[in-house]
Structure formats: structure tokens, C-alpha cells
């Protein structure tokens, strides 16, 4: 294994670890559940993907590469989906938002005038 591969692997591991550290700080510092959930989902997913890429690069084996790509695919697929479902469940059970959160996107569209669908001639 050459030095360039080792340096690249070390950089990926450090970036992944730093990203996960930022995620952990986000859990402690952000004001409400939804912000924390967003920070954890995005940063920890990126951190795990970077560390898995480092492992694939380090071992330089087709079997490890296939397993790493599979793991990366399923993490990238399931992490945002699960965070979305958790956030929807939190909204459903009325977990409070931060008082400075702009909730205009949650207004019902019933109050707006809907366009009338015109039949074709």
C-alpha cells in the first residue's frame, strides 16, 4: 500500500470523524427537536459514508468495495427516510417547535383560493 492511499484514508476518516463531532455538538446546542433531528441525520450520515469510503480505500479489495457500496447505499436511502418519518410523528404528537421557527409552510391550503379545474372542450 502506498503512502498516498494511507494519506487519503486518514483524511477521509478525519473528515468523517469531524462531521460526526459536529453532529454531536448539534444535538447539544440546537434549540428544538426538529433542528437536532436534521443535524443528526445529515451530518452523521455524511460522517458514516466518509468513514466507509476510507475503509473501502484502505482494504482495496473487491469484496470490501461491494459490501461498502451496499452499506453506503442503504444508509443513504434509509437515514433521510427515517428522519422524515420521525419528524412527521413528532408533528403528529405535537412536539413543540422553537418559538422562532417560521411555521407558515404548515398552514393549510384550505384557506387559499384553489383554481377551478376547467373541463376540456
Protein backbone atom coordinates (compact mmCIF):
# COMPACT_ATOMS: atom_id res chain seq x y z
CA UNK A 1 0.00 0.00 0.00
CA UNK A 2 1.44 3.34 -0.98
CA UNK A 3 1.63 6.48 1.08
CA UNK A 4 -0.94 8.35 -1.00
CA UNK A 5 -3.61 5.76 -0.18
CA UNK A 6 -2.78 5.96 3.52
CA UNK A 7 -2.94 9.74 3.50
CA UNK A 8 -6.24 9.75 1.61
CA UNK A 9 -7.67 7.16 4.00
CA UNK A 10 -6.57 9.20 7.01
CA UNK A 11 -8.12 12.36 5.53
CA UNK A 12 -11.44 10.57 4.93
CA UNK A 13 -11.50 9.15 8.46
CA UNK A 14 -10.69 12.55 9.96
CA UNK A 15 -13.35 14.29 7.86
CA UNK A 16 -15.91 11.65 8.82
CA UNK A 17 -15.00 11.92 12.49
CA UNK A 18 -15.12 15.71 12.38
CA UNK A 19 -18.52 15.61 10.70
CA UNK A 20 -19.85 13.26 13.36
CA UNK A 21 -18.39 15.53 16.06
CA UNK A 22 -20.32 18.45 14.55
CA UNK A 23 -23.42 16.25 14.66
CA UNK A 24 -22.88 15.53 18.34
CA UNK A 25 -22.41 19.21 19.08
CA UNK A 26 -25.62 19.90 17.16
CA UNK A 27 -27.53 17.57 19.47
CA UNK A 28 -26.37 19.59 22.46
CA UNK A 29 -26.60 23.10 21.05
CA UNK A 30 -29.62 23.30 18.74
CA UNK A 31 -32.85 24.63 20.24
CA UNK A 32 -35.56 22.12 19.37
CA UNK A 33 -36.19 18.51 18.42
CA UNK A 34 -36.58 19.18 14.70
CA UNK A 35 -33.31 21.08 14.37
CA UNK A 36 -31.48 18.38 16.29
CA UNK A 37 -33.01 15.69 14.13
CA UNK A 38 -31.90 17.50 10.99
CA UNK A 39 -28.34 17.95 12.23
CA UNK A 40 -28.02 14.36 13.33
CA UNK A 41 -29.45 12.97 10.11
CA UNK A 42 -27.37 14.99 7.69
CA UNK A 43 -24.06 15.11 9.49
CA UNK A 44 -23.94 11.60 10.87
CA UNK A 45 -24.96 10.15 7.51
CA UNK A 46 -22.18 12.04 5.78
CA UNK A 47 -19.71 11.06 8.52
CA UNK A 48 -20.52 7.38 8.27
CA UNK A 49 -20.31 7.48 4.47
CA UNK A 50 -16.87 9.11 4.63
CA UNK A 51 -15.59 6.53 7.10
CA UNK A 52 -16.92 3.65 4.99
CA UNK A 53 -15.23 5.16 1.93
CA UNK A 54 -12.00 5.26 3.91
CA UNK A 55 -12.37 1.58 4.83
CA UNK A 56 -13.05 0.63 1.21
CA UNK A 57 -10.00 2.59 0.08
CA UNK A 58 -7.79 1.16 2.82
CA UNK A 59 -8.59 -2.52 2.26
CA UNK A 60 -8.53 -2.20 -1.56
CA UNK A 61 -10.47 -5.41 -2.09
CA UNK A 62 -13.41 -6.04 -4.43
CA UNK A 63 -15.38 -7.82 -1.70
CA UNK A 64 -14.91 -4.95 0.74
CA UNK A 65 -15.82 -2.49 -2.01
CA UNK A 66 -19.08 -4.29 -2.80
CA UNK A 67 -20.03 -4.52 0.85
CA UNK A 68 -19.08 -0.88 1.42
CA UNK A 69 -21.13 0.28 -1.54
CA UNK A 70 -24.11 -1.73 -0.30
CA UNK A 71 -23.81 -0.28 3.18
CA UNK A 72 -23.43 3.24 1.81
CA UNK A 73 -26.46 2.79 -0.44
CA UNK A 74 -28.71 1.59 2.36
CA UNK A 75 -27.55 4.23 4.82
CA UNK A 76 -28.08 6.97 2.23
CA UNK A 77 -31.52 5.54 1.48
CA UNK A 78 -32.81 4.84 4.98
CA UNK A 79 -31.40 7.70 7.06
CA UNK A 80 -33.32 10.58 5.42
CA UNK A 81 -36.44 8.45 5.14
CA UNK A 82 -36.43 7.52 8.80
CA UNK A 83 -35.74 11.12 9.84
CA UNK A 84 -38.72 12.27 7.77
CA UNK A 85 -41.00 9.69 9.40
CA UNK A 86 -39.73 10.58 12.88
CA UNK A 87 -40.35 14.29 12.19
CA UNK A 88 -43.87 13.58 10.90
CA UNK A 89 -44.59 11.51 14.01
CA UNK A 90 -43.29 14.34 16.20
CA UNK A 91 -45.56 16.81 14.42
CA UNK A 92 -48.46 14.40 14.85
CA UNK A 93 -47.96 14.12 18.62
CA UNK A 94 -47.41 17.89 18.76
CA UNK A 95 -43.79 18.13 19.87
CA UNK A 96 -43.31 21.89 20.23
CA UNK A 97 -41.28 23.89 17.75
CA UNK A 98 -38.74 26.52 18.71
CA UNK A 99 -40.52 29.83 19.25
CA UNK A 100 -38.57 31.49 16.39
CA UNK A 101 -39.49 28.82 13.84
CA UNK A 102 -41.39 30.11 10.81
CA UNK A 103 -44.45 27.87 10.55
CA UNK A 104 -46.05 29.47 7.51
CA UNK A 105 -45.29 26.36 5.41
CA UNK A 106 -47.54 24.33 7.70
CA UNK A 107 -50.64 26.43 7.05
CA UNK A 108 -53.48 24.53 5.45
CA UNK A 109 -54.10 25.17 1.80
CA UNK A 110 -57.86 25.22 2.53
CA UNK A 111 -57.70 28.92 3.28
CA UNK A 112 -56.16 29.72 -0.09
CA UNK A 113 -58.31 30.02 -3.15
CA UNK A 114 -57.91 26.95 -5.29
CA UNK A 115 -58.06 27.25 -9.02
CA UNK A 116 -61.07 25.77 -10.63
CA UNK A 117 -60.34 22.90 -12.99
CA UNK A 118 -61.85 23.64 -16.35
CA UNK A 119 -63.08 20.76 -18.48
CA UNK A 120 -61.68 20.29 -21.96
CA UNK A 121 -63.82 21.29 -24.89
